[in-house]
Amino acid sequence: MTGPTTNTTGPLSIVIDEERETERGWSYIVTLSWKSRGTTEHEITLSWVDHDQLTGGTTPPSQLIERVAEIVASAMGVDEMPARFDVSSMRRAIPEFQRLVNA
């Protein structure tokens, strides 16, 4: 895997625009800025269960969402990254997701 300085598929910046609690966890609106591609907006949901399984409950949910957005963006790129997704779906879709979260 290449480092952030040579990554051509990942975003240049990730900004959390909105955070709200839901019945099962949290929902975030996140804006990603891409090199020469402008910005994209994504809704990412995170359950309490996934938060606890991925971080042991020690990392703030917003920090986990930033990391997840970075991982998904790097794995899928601007053209394939879904506008809406749940963290659990990315856990299944991206190989070594857990390791990447904790890297």
N, C-alpha and C. Protein backbone atom coordinates (compact mmCIF):
# COMPACT_ATOMS: atom_id res chain seq x y z
N MET A 1 0.84 -1.18 0.00
CA MET A 1 0.00 0.00 0.00
C MET A 1 0.88 1.24 0.00
N THR A 2 0.54 2.21 -0.80
CA THR A 2 1.36 3.41 -0.88
C THR A 2 1.02 4.37 0.24
N GLY A 3 1.95 5.24 0.56
CA GLY A 3 1.74 6.21 1.63
C GLY A 3 0.89 7.37 1.15
N PRO A 4 0.48 8.24 2.07
CA PRO A 4 -0.41 9.33 1.72
C PRO A 4 0.19 10.32 0.72
N THR A 5 1.52 10.46 0.71
CA THR A 5 2.12 11.43 -0.20
C THR A 5 2.09 10.97 -1.64
N THR A 6 2.01 9.65 -1.89
CA THR A 6 1.99 9.15 -3.25
C THR A 6 0.62 8.62 -3.66
N ASN A 7 -0.35 8.71 -2.78
CA ASN A 7 -1.68 8.19 -3.05
C ASN A 7 -2.39 9.08 -4.07
N THR A 8 -2.77 8.50 -5.21
CA THR A 8 -3.45 9.27 -6.24
C THR A 8 -4.95 9.05 -6.25
N THR A 9 -5.46 8.08 -5.48
CA THR A 9 -6.90 7.81 -5.49
C THR A 9 -7.61 8.41 -4.30
N GLY A 10 -6.91 8.67 -3.22
CA GLY A 10 -7.54 9.16 -2.00
C GLY A 10 -7.80 10.65 -2.03
N PRO A 11 -8.57 11.12 -1.06
CA PRO A 11 -8.91 12.54 -0.99
C PRO A 11 -7.77 13.38 -0.43
N LEU A 12 -7.80 14.67 -0.73
CA LEU A 12 -6.83 15.61 -0.17
C LEU A 12 -7.24 16.04 1.23
N SER A 13 -8.56 16.12 1.45
CA SER A 13 -9.05 16.49 2.78
C SER A 13 -10.42 15.88 3.03
N ILE A 14 -10.71 15.71 4.32
CA ILE A 14 -11.99 15.15 4.77
C ILE A 14 -12.53 16.08 5.83
N VAL A 15 -13.77 16.54 5.65
CA VAL A 15 -14.40 17.45 6.60
C VAL A 15 -15.74 16.87 7.02
N ILE A 16 -15.95 16.75 8.33
CA ILE A 16 -17.26 16.33 8.83
C ILE A 16 -18.13 17.57 8.94
N ASP A 17 -19.19 17.60 8.15
CA ASP A 17 -20.09 18.75 8.11
C ASP A 17 -21.22 18.65 9.12
N GLU A 18 -21.62 17.41 9.43
CA GLU A 18 -22.77 17.22 10.33
C GLU A 18 -22.64 15.89 11.04
N GLU A 19 -23.01 15.88 12.31
CA GLU A 19 -23.05 14.65 13.11
C GLU A 19 -24.39 14.61 13.83
N ARG A 20 -25.09 13.46 13.72
CA ARG A 20 -26.33 13.31 14.49
C ARG A 20 -26.41 11.92 15.06
N GLU A 21 -27.00 11.85 16.23
CA GLU A 21 -27.24 10.55 16.85
C GLU A 21 -28.48 9.92 16.22
N THR A 22 -28.44 8.59 16.09
CA THR A 22 -29.57 7.85 15.57
C THR A 22 -29.97 6.82 16.64
N GLU A 23 -30.99 6.04 16.34
CA GLU A 23 -31.44 5.01 17.29
C GLU A 23 -30.37 3.96 17.55
N ARG A 24 -29.50 3.73 16.56
CA ARG A 24 -28.49 2.66 16.68
C ARG A 24 -27.06 3.15 16.69
N GLY A 25 -26.84 4.46 16.62
CA GLY A 25 -25.47 4.98 16.59
C GLY A 25 -25.43 6.42 16.13
N TRP A 26 -24.73 6.65 15.01
CA TRP A 26 -24.53 8.00 14.52
C TRP A 26 -24.65 8.04 13.00
N SER A 27 -24.94 9.23 12.49
CA SER A 27 -24.96 9.50 11.06
C SER A 27 -24.13 10.76 10.82
N TYR A 28 -23.29 10.71 9.80
CA TYR A 28 -22.40 11.82 9.49
C TYR A 28 -22.55 12.23 8.03
N ILE A 29 -22.48 13.54 7.80
CA ILE A 29 -22.34 14.07 6.45
C ILE A 29 -20.89 14.52 6.34
N VAL A 30 -20.20 13.97 5.35
CA VAL A 30 -18.76 14.18 5.21
C VAL A 30 -18.48 14.70 3.80
N THR A 31 -17.65 15.73 3.70
CA THR A 31 -17.23 16.26 2.41
C THR A 31 -15.77 15.90 2.17
N LEU A 32 -15.50 15.31 1.01
CA LEU A 32 -14.14 14.97 0.63
C LEU A 32 -13.71 15.87 -0.52
N SER A 33 -12.51 16.39 -0.44
CA SER A 33 -11.92 17.17 -1.53
C SER A 33 -10.91 16.30 -2.25
N TRP A 34 -11.05 16.24 -3.56
CA TRP A 34 -10.21 15.37 -4.40
C TRP A 34 -9.33 16.21 -5.30
N LYS A 35 -8.12 15.74 -5.55
CA LYS A 35 -7.21 16.45 -6.44
C LYS A 35 -7.82 16.51 -7.84
N SER A 36 -7.97 17.69 -8.34
CA SER A 36 -8.51 17.98 -9.68
C SER A 36 -9.89 17.38 -9.96
N ARG A 37 -10.63 17.00 -8.91
CA ARG A 37 -11.97 16.44 -9.11
C ARG A 37 -13.03 17.17 -8.28
N GLY A 38 -12.65 18.21 -7.57
CA GLY A 38 -13.61 18.95 -6.77
C GLY A 38 -13.95 18.23 -5.47
N THR A 39 -15.20 18.36 -5.03
CA THR A 39 -15.61 17.76 -3.77
C THR A 39 -16.77 16.80 -3.99
N THR A 40 -16.89 15.86 -3.07
CA THR A 40 -18.03 14.95 -3.04
C THR A 40 -18.56 14.90 -1.62
N GLU A 41 -19.87 14.68 -1.50
CA GLU A 41 -20.50 14.60 -0.18
C GLU A 41 -21.01 13.18 0.03
N HIS A 42 -20.84 12.68 1.26
CA HIS A 42 -21.20 11.30 1.58
C HIS A 42 -21.89 11.27 2.94
N GLU A 43 -22.89 10.40 3.04
CA GLU A 43 -23.53 10.14 4.33
C GLU A 43 -23.02 8.78 4.81
N ILE A 44 -22.41 8.78 5.99
CA ILE A 44 -21.83 7.56 6.55
C ILE A 44 -22.51 7.29 7.89
N THR A 45 -23.03 6.08 8.05
CA THR A 45 -23.64 5.70 9.32
C THR A 45 -22.71 4.73 10.06
N LEU A 46 -22.76 4.84 11.37
CA LEU A 46 -21.91 4.04 12.25
C LEU A 46 -22.77 3.57 13.42
N SER A 47 -22.83 2.25 13.61
CA SER A 47 -23.59 1.71 14.74
C SER A 47 -22.71 1.68 15.98
N TRP A 48 -23.36 1.65 17.14
CA TRP A 48 -22.62 1.51 18.40
C TRP A 48 -21.82 0.22 18.39
N VAL A 49 -22.41 -0.85 17.85
CA VAL A 49 -21.75 -2.15 17.82
C VAL A 49 -20.46 -2.08 17.00
N ASP A 50 -20.53 -1.49 15.80
CA ASP A 50 -19.33 -1.37 14.97
C ASP A 50 -18.28 -0.49 15.64
N HIS A 51 -18.73 0.59 16.25
CA HIS A 51 -17.78 1.48 16.95
C HIS A 51 -17.04 0.70 18.03
N ASP A 52 -17.75 -0.07 18.81
CA ASP A 52 -17.12 -0.84 19.89
C ASP A 52 -16.21 -1.93 19.33
N GLN A 53 -16.65 -2.62 18.28
CA GLN A 53 -15.84 -3.69 17.70
C GLN A 53 -14.57 -3.16 17.05
N LEU A 54 -14.65 -2.02 16.41
CA LEU A 54 -13.49 -1.48 15.69
C LEU A 54 -12.50 -0.77 16.59
N THR A 55 -12.99 -0.14 17.66
CA THR A 55 -12.10 0.68 18.48
C THR A 55 -12.09 0.31 19.95
N GLY A 56 -12.91 -0.66 20.35
CA GLY A 56 -13.03 -0.95 21.77
C GLY A 56 -13.72 0.17 22.53
N GLY A 57 -14.34 1.07 21.78
CA GLY A 57 -15.04 2.19 22.40
C GLY A 57 -14.12 3.32 22.85
N THR A 58 -12.84 3.24 22.52
CA THR A 58 -11.88 4.23 23.03
C THR A 58 -11.65 5.41 22.10
N THR A 59 -12.06 5.31 20.86
CA THR A 59 -11.86 6.39 19.88
C THR A 59 -13.17 7.12 19.67
N PRO A 60 -13.16 8.45 19.68
CA PRO A 60 -14.40 9.17 19.41
C PRO A 60 -14.98 8.76 18.04
N PRO A 61 -16.29 8.62 17.96
CA PRO A 61 -16.92 8.21 16.69
C PRO A 61 -16.51 9.10 15.52
N SER A 62 -16.39 10.39 15.72
CA SER A 62 -16.03 11.29 14.62
C SER A 62 -14.63 10.98 14.09
N GLN A 63 -13.70 10.62 14.96
CA GLN A 63 -12.36 10.25 14.50
C GLN A 63 -12.40 8.95 13.71
N LEU A 64 -13.21 8.01 14.15
CA LEU A 64 -13.36 6.76 13.42
C LEU A 64 -13.95 7.01 12.03
N ILE A 65 -14.93 7.90 11.94
CA ILE A 65 -15.55 8.21 10.65
C ILE A 65 -14.54 8.84 9.70
N GLU A 66 -13.70 9.72 10.19
CA GLU A 66 -12.66 10.30 9.34
C GLU A 66 -11.74 9.22 8.79
N ARG A 67 -11.35 8.29 9.65
CA ARG A 67 -10.47 7.19 9.23
C ARG A 67 -11.18 6.28 8.22
N VAL A 68 -12.44 5.97 8.49
CA VAL A 68 -13.22 5.13 7.57
C VAL A 68 -13.35 5.83 6.21
N ALA A 69 -13.65 7.11 6.21
CA ALA A 69 -13.78 7.85 4.95
C ALA A 69 -12.48 7.80 4.16
N GLU A 70 -11.36 7.93 4.85
CA GLU A 70 -10.05 7.87 4.20
C GLU A 70 -9.80 6.49 3.59
N ILE A 71 -10.11 5.44 4.35
CA ILE A 71 -9.91 4.07 3.88
C ILE A 71 -10.79 3.78 2.67
N VAL A 72 -12.07 4.12 2.76
CA VAL A 72 -13.00 3.85 1.66
C VAL A 72 -12.61 4.65 0.43
N ALA A 73 -12.26 5.91 0.61
CA ALA A 73 -11.86 6.73 -0.52
C ALA A 73 -10.61 6.18 -1.21
N SER A 74 -9.65 5.75 -0.42
CA SER A 74 -8.42 5.19 -0.99
C SER A 74 -8.67 3.87 -1.69
N ALA A 75 -9.56 3.06 -1.12
CA ALA A 75 -9.85 1.74 -1.71
C ALA A 75 -10.70 1.84 -2.97
N MET A 76 -11.64 2.79 -2.99
CA MET A 76 -12.61 2.85 -4.09
C MET A 76 -12.36 3.99 -5.08
N GLY A 77 -11.77 5.06 -4.62
CA GLY A 77 -11.56 6.21 -5.49
C GLY A 77 -12.82 7.05 -5.64
N VAL A 78 -12.67 8.19 -6.24
CA VAL A 78 -13.76 9.15 -6.36
C VAL A 78 -14.94 8.61 -7.15
N ASP A 79 -14.69 7.81 -8.17
CA ASP A 79 -15.77 7.34 -9.03
C ASP A 79 -16.59 6.20 -8.44
N GLU A 80 -16.01 5.43 -7.53
CA GLU A 80 -16.69 4.26 -6.98
C GLU A 80 -17.21 4.44 -5.55
N MET A 81 -16.76 5.48 -4.86
CA MET A 81 -17.16 5.68 -3.47
C MET A 81 -18.65 6.02 -3.41
N PRO A 82 -19.43 5.22 -2.66
CA PRO A 82 -20.88 5.46 -2.61
C PRO A 82 -21.22 6.78 -1.91
N ALA A 83 -22.33 7.37 -2.31
CA ALA A 83 -22.80 8.60 -1.68
C ALA A 83 -23.31 8.33 -0.27
N ARG A 84 -23.86 7.12 -0.04
CA ARG A 84 -24.36 6.73 1.28
C ARG A 84 -23.87 5.32 1.57
N PHE A 85 -23.35 5.12 2.78
CA PHE A 85 -22.95 3.77 3.17
C PHE A 85 -22.83 3.67 4.68
N ASP A 86 -22.87 2.42 5.14
CA ASP A 86 -22.71 2.12 6.55
C ASP A 86 -21.32 1.52 6.75
N VAL A 87 -20.72 1.80 7.88
CA VAL A 87 -19.39 1.28 8.18
C VAL A 87 -19.36 -0.24 8.08
N SER A 88 -20.41 -0.91 8.54
CA SER A 88 -20.43 -2.38 8.51
C SER A 88 -20.34 -2.91 7.08
N SER A 89 -20.94 -2.23 6.11
CA SER A 89 -20.85 -2.69 4.72
C SER A 89 -19.43 -2.58 4.19
N MET A 90 -18.70 -1.57 4.62
CA MET A 90 -17.32 -1.41 4.19
C MET A 90 -16.40 -2.42 4.88
N ARG A 91 -16.76 -2.81 6.10
CA ARG A 91 -15.99 -3.86 6.79
C ARG A 91 -15.99 -5.14 5.97
N ARG A 92 -17.10 -5.43 5.33
CA ARG A 92 -17.22 -6.65 4.51
C ARG A 92 -16.64 -6.46 3.11
N ALA A 93 -16.68 -5.26 2.58
CA ALA A 93 -16.30 -5.01 1.19
C ALA A 93 -14.80 -4.79 0.99
N ILE A 94 -14.12 -4.27 2.00
CA ILE A 94 -12.71 -3.90 1.83
C ILE A 94 -11.84 -4.89 2.59
N PRO A 95 -10.96 -5.59 1.87
CA PRO A 95 -10.05 -6.54 2.54
C PRO A 95 -9.19 -5.83 3.59
N GLU A 96 -9.00 -6.49 4.71
CA GLU A 96 -8.16 -6.00 5.82
C GLU A 96 -8.65 -4.67 6.40
N PHE A 97 -9.95 -4.43 6.32
CA PHE A 97 -10.52 -3.18 6.83
C PHE A 97 -10.14 -2.93 8.29
N GLN A 98 -10.31 -3.95 9.13
CA GLN A 98 -10.00 -3.80 10.56
C GLN A 98 -8.55 -3.38 10.77
N ARG A 99 -7.64 -4.01 10.05
CA ARG A 99 -6.21 -3.66 10.19
C ARG A 99 -5.97 -2.22 9.74
N LEU A 100 -6.61 -1.81 8.66
CA LEU A 100 -6.44 -0.45 8.16
C LEU A 100 -6.97 0.59 9.15
N VAL A 101 -8.08 0.28 9.80
CA VAL A 101 -8.64 1.19 10.80
C VAL A 101 -7.64 1.41 11.93
N ASN A 102 -6.98 0.35 12.33
CA ASN A 102 -6.07 0.40 13.47
C ASN A 102 -4.63 0.74 13.10
N ALA A 103 -4.38 0.96 11.80
CA ALA A 103 -3.00 1.25 11.36
C ALA A 103 -2.57 2.65 11.74
